[in-house]
Protein backbone atom coordinates (compact mmCIF):
# COMPACT_ATOMS: atom_id res chain seq x y z
CA MET A 1 68.24 10.03 36.74
CA GLY A 2 65.65 12.53 35.99
CA ALA A 3 63.06 11.97 33.72
CA GLN A 4 63.06 14.38 30.64
CA LEU A 5 59.54 15.47 29.69
CA SER A 6 58.97 16.53 25.99
CA PRO A 7 58.04 20.45 25.29
CA GLY A 8 54.78 21.49 26.47
CA GLY A 9 54.73 19.44 29.28
CA ARG A 10 53.14 16.43 27.42
CA GLY A 11 54.42 12.94 27.66
CA ARG A 12 53.55 9.34 26.68
CA GLY A 13 50.40 9.73 28.34
CA TYR A 14 48.84 13.01 26.37
CA ARG A 15 46.11 12.34 24.09
CA ARG A 16 44.31 14.62 21.49
CA GLN A 17 40.98 16.04 22.79
CA GLN A 18 38.33 14.17 20.41
CA PHE A 19 35.83 15.94 18.73
CA SER A 20 32.68 15.90 20.05
CA GLU A 21 30.69 17.59 17.56
CA ILE A 22 28.67 15.60 14.50
CA ASN A 23 28.14 16.67 11.15
CA VAL A 24 24.92 15.99 10.18
CA THR A 25 24.96 17.49 6.66
CA PRO A 26 25.69 14.35 5.07
CA PHE A 27 22.28 12.94 6.78
CA VAL A 28 20.11 15.72 5.93
CA ASP A 29 21.26 14.89 1.90
CA VAL A 30 20.23 11.81 2.52
CA MET A 31 16.85 12.53 4.03
CA LEU A 32 16.19 15.03 1.63
CA VAL A 33 16.52 12.61 -1.36
CA LEU A 34 14.11 9.66 0.08
CA LEU A 35 11.75 12.53 0.97
CA VAL A 36 11.68 13.86 -2.68
CA ILE A 37 11.82 9.87 -3.71
CA PHE A 38 8.92 8.77 -1.61
CA MET A 39 7.07 11.89 -2.60
CA VAL A 40 7.44 11.05 -6.31
CA THR A 41 6.75 7.52 -5.55
CA ALA A 42 3.59 7.59 -2.97
CA PRO A 43 1.30 8.61 -5.62
CA MET A 44 2.36 5.79 -8.08
CA LEU A 45 1.48 3.00 -5.39
CA THR A 46 -2.05 4.01 -4.87
CA ALA A 47 -3.03 3.84 -8.64
CA GLY A 48 -4.21 0.62 -9.34
CA VAL A 49 -6.23 -0.68 -12.04
CA GLN A 50 -8.64 2.28 -13.54
CA VAL A 51 -12.24 1.26 -12.96
CA ASP A 52 -14.63 4.46 -13.03
CA LEU A 53 -16.90 3.46 -9.59
CA PRO A 54 -20.30 4.25 -9.51
CA GLN A 55 -21.69 6.54 -6.89
CA SER A 56 -23.90 5.64 -3.45
CA SER A 57 -24.09 7.21 -0.48
CA ALA A 58 -23.28 4.17 2.03
CA LYS A 59 -21.20 4.38 5.09
CA PRO A 60 -17.71 3.27 4.79
CA VAL A 61 -16.67 -0.25 5.70
CA GLU A 62 -14.69 -0.60 8.58
CA GLY A 63 -12.20 -2.92 9.14
CA THR A 64 -8.69 -3.43 10.86
CA ASP A 65 -7.01 -5.79 8.49
CA GLU A 66 -5.86 -5.13 4.96
CA PRO A 67 -8.55 -5.76 2.41
CA LEU A 68 -7.80 -7.63 -1.26
CA THR A 69 -9.16 -5.78 -4.51
CA VAL A 70 -10.63 -7.79 -6.78
CA SER A 71 -11.08 -5.28 -10.05
CA VAL A 72 -13.41 -5.22 -13.04
CA THR A 73 -12.46 -2.87 -15.96
CA SER A 74 -14.78 -1.45 -18.70
CA GLY A 75 -13.47 -4.03 -20.97
CA GLY A 76 -14.19 -6.89 -18.84
CA GLU A 77 -10.81 -7.65 -17.92
CA ILE A 78 -10.60 -8.87 -14.28
CA PHE A 79 -7.45 -8.14 -11.91
CA ILE A 80 -6.52 -9.19 -8.18
CA GLN A 81 -5.12 -6.04 -6.90
CA GLU A 82 -2.95 -5.08 -10.22
CA THR A 83 -2.59 -8.64 -11.53
CA ALA A 84 -4.73 -9.41 -14.03
CA VAL A 85 -6.55 -13.22 -13.68
CA SER A 86 -9.62 -15.00 -15.93
CA MET A 87 -12.52 -16.02 -14.71
CA GLU A 88 -11.42 -19.35 -14.63
CA THR A 89 -8.53 -19.20 -12.72
CA LEU A 90 -9.89 -16.56 -10.44
CA GLN A 91 -10.66 -19.11 -7.76
CA ALA A 92 -7.54 -20.79 -7.85
CA LYS A 93 -5.63 -17.86 -7.62
CA LEU A 94 -7.61 -16.36 -4.86
CA ASN A 95 -7.43 -19.66 -2.70
CA ALA A 96 -3.37 -19.42 -3.59
CA ILE A 97 -3.00 -15.83 -2.38
CA VAL A 98 -5.25 -16.39 0.91
CA GLY A 99 -4.49 -19.85 1.61
CA GLU A 100 -5.85 -20.61 5.26
CA LYS A 101 -6.69 -16.86 5.84
CA ARG A 102 -10.53 -17.30 5.11
CA ASP A 103 -11.74 -14.26 6.62
CA THR A 104 -9.87 -12.02 4.20
CA ARG A 105 -12.29 -9.45 3.26
CA ILE A 106 -12.39 -9.04 -0.27
CA PHE A 107 -13.71 -5.30 -2.06
CA VAL A 108 -14.88 -5.86 -5.34
CA ARG A 109 -14.64 -2.90 -7.99
CA GLY A 110 -16.70 -2.72 -10.80
CA ASP A 111 -16.73 -0.40 -13.34
CA LYS A 112 -20.23 1.47 -14.00
CA ALA A 113 -20.28 0.73 -17.76
CA ILE A 114 -20.24 -3.18 -17.39
CA ASP A 115 -22.97 -5.54 -17.39
CA TYR A 116 -24.18 -5.96 -13.72
CA GLY A 117 -24.29 -10.03 -14.28
CA LEU A 118 -20.78 -10.11 -14.60
CA VAL A 119 -20.17 -8.38 -11.23
CA MET A 120 -22.38 -11.07 -10.14
CA ARG A 121 -20.12 -13.82 -11.99
CA VAL A 122 -17.05 -12.43 -10.16
CA ILE A 123 -18.59 -12.54 -6.60
CA GLY A 124 -19.97 -16.03 -7.48
CA GLU A 125 -16.57 -17.21 -8.09
CA ILE A 126 -15.01 -15.49 -5.07
CA ASN A 127 -17.81 -17.18 -2.92
CA ALA A 128 -17.05 -20.39 -4.61
CA ALA A 129 -13.59 -20.19 -3.49
CA GLY A 130 -14.76 -19.87 0.12
CA LEU A 131 -14.39 -16.34 0.66
CA THR A 132 -17.58 -14.80 2.16
CA LYS A 133 -16.58 -11.61 3.31
CA VAL A 134 -17.52 -9.58 0.51
CA ALA A 135 -18.00 -5.67 -0.39
CA LEU A 136 -18.66 -3.72 -3.10
CA ILE A 137 -16.76 -0.47 -3.72
CA THR A 138 -17.89 2.68 -5.04
CA GLU A 139 -17.28 6.62 -5.29
CA SER A 140 -19.05 8.35 -2.53
CA ALA A 141 -21.95 10.43 -3.65
CA GLN A 142 -21.53 14.28 -3.30
CA VAL A 143 -24.31 15.07 -1.70
CA PRO A 144 -25.87 19.05 -1.84
CA PRO A 145 -25.62 20.88 1.65
CA LYS A 146 -29.01 21.63 2.43
CA ARG A 147 -30.32 24.79 2.98
C-alpha cells in the first residue's frame, strides 16, 4: 500500500516555475511609434489660420482658461478658431460656442494688411454677442538690445 511517486519526486502537486520577466520590446516599439506620430502632428495642431500679425511691445495677457480665437485674414475672411464664418453669423456662432460662459476670453487676430474698420466691426459683433473679455493679438516686437 505504498504510494508511488513519479520520477524525480514530482507528484501531482508540482507546478512549473512561473516566468517573472516581462518582455518590454513590444511596449518600447509602441511608445516609439506614438512618439513619432506626436512629433509629426504637433506642429500641425498649432498652425491655425494664416494671419500676418502686426508687431507690438505690449506685455502678454495672463490667464488660465483656454481663449477662443477669432481671426480676420488679409482677404477679409473671418474664422472662429479654424472655422470660417460670415459677419452676419458671427454673433450666433459665438453664442452657440460659449453658451452661458460669458466670461470666456476672446482673442482677435487681425492681419496687418486689412482695414482697421473691419477689425472694429468684428469686435463690435463680439461685444453685441455679450462677450466683453476681448484682446487683440500681435507679434512681439523685436526690440534691439541697448548698448
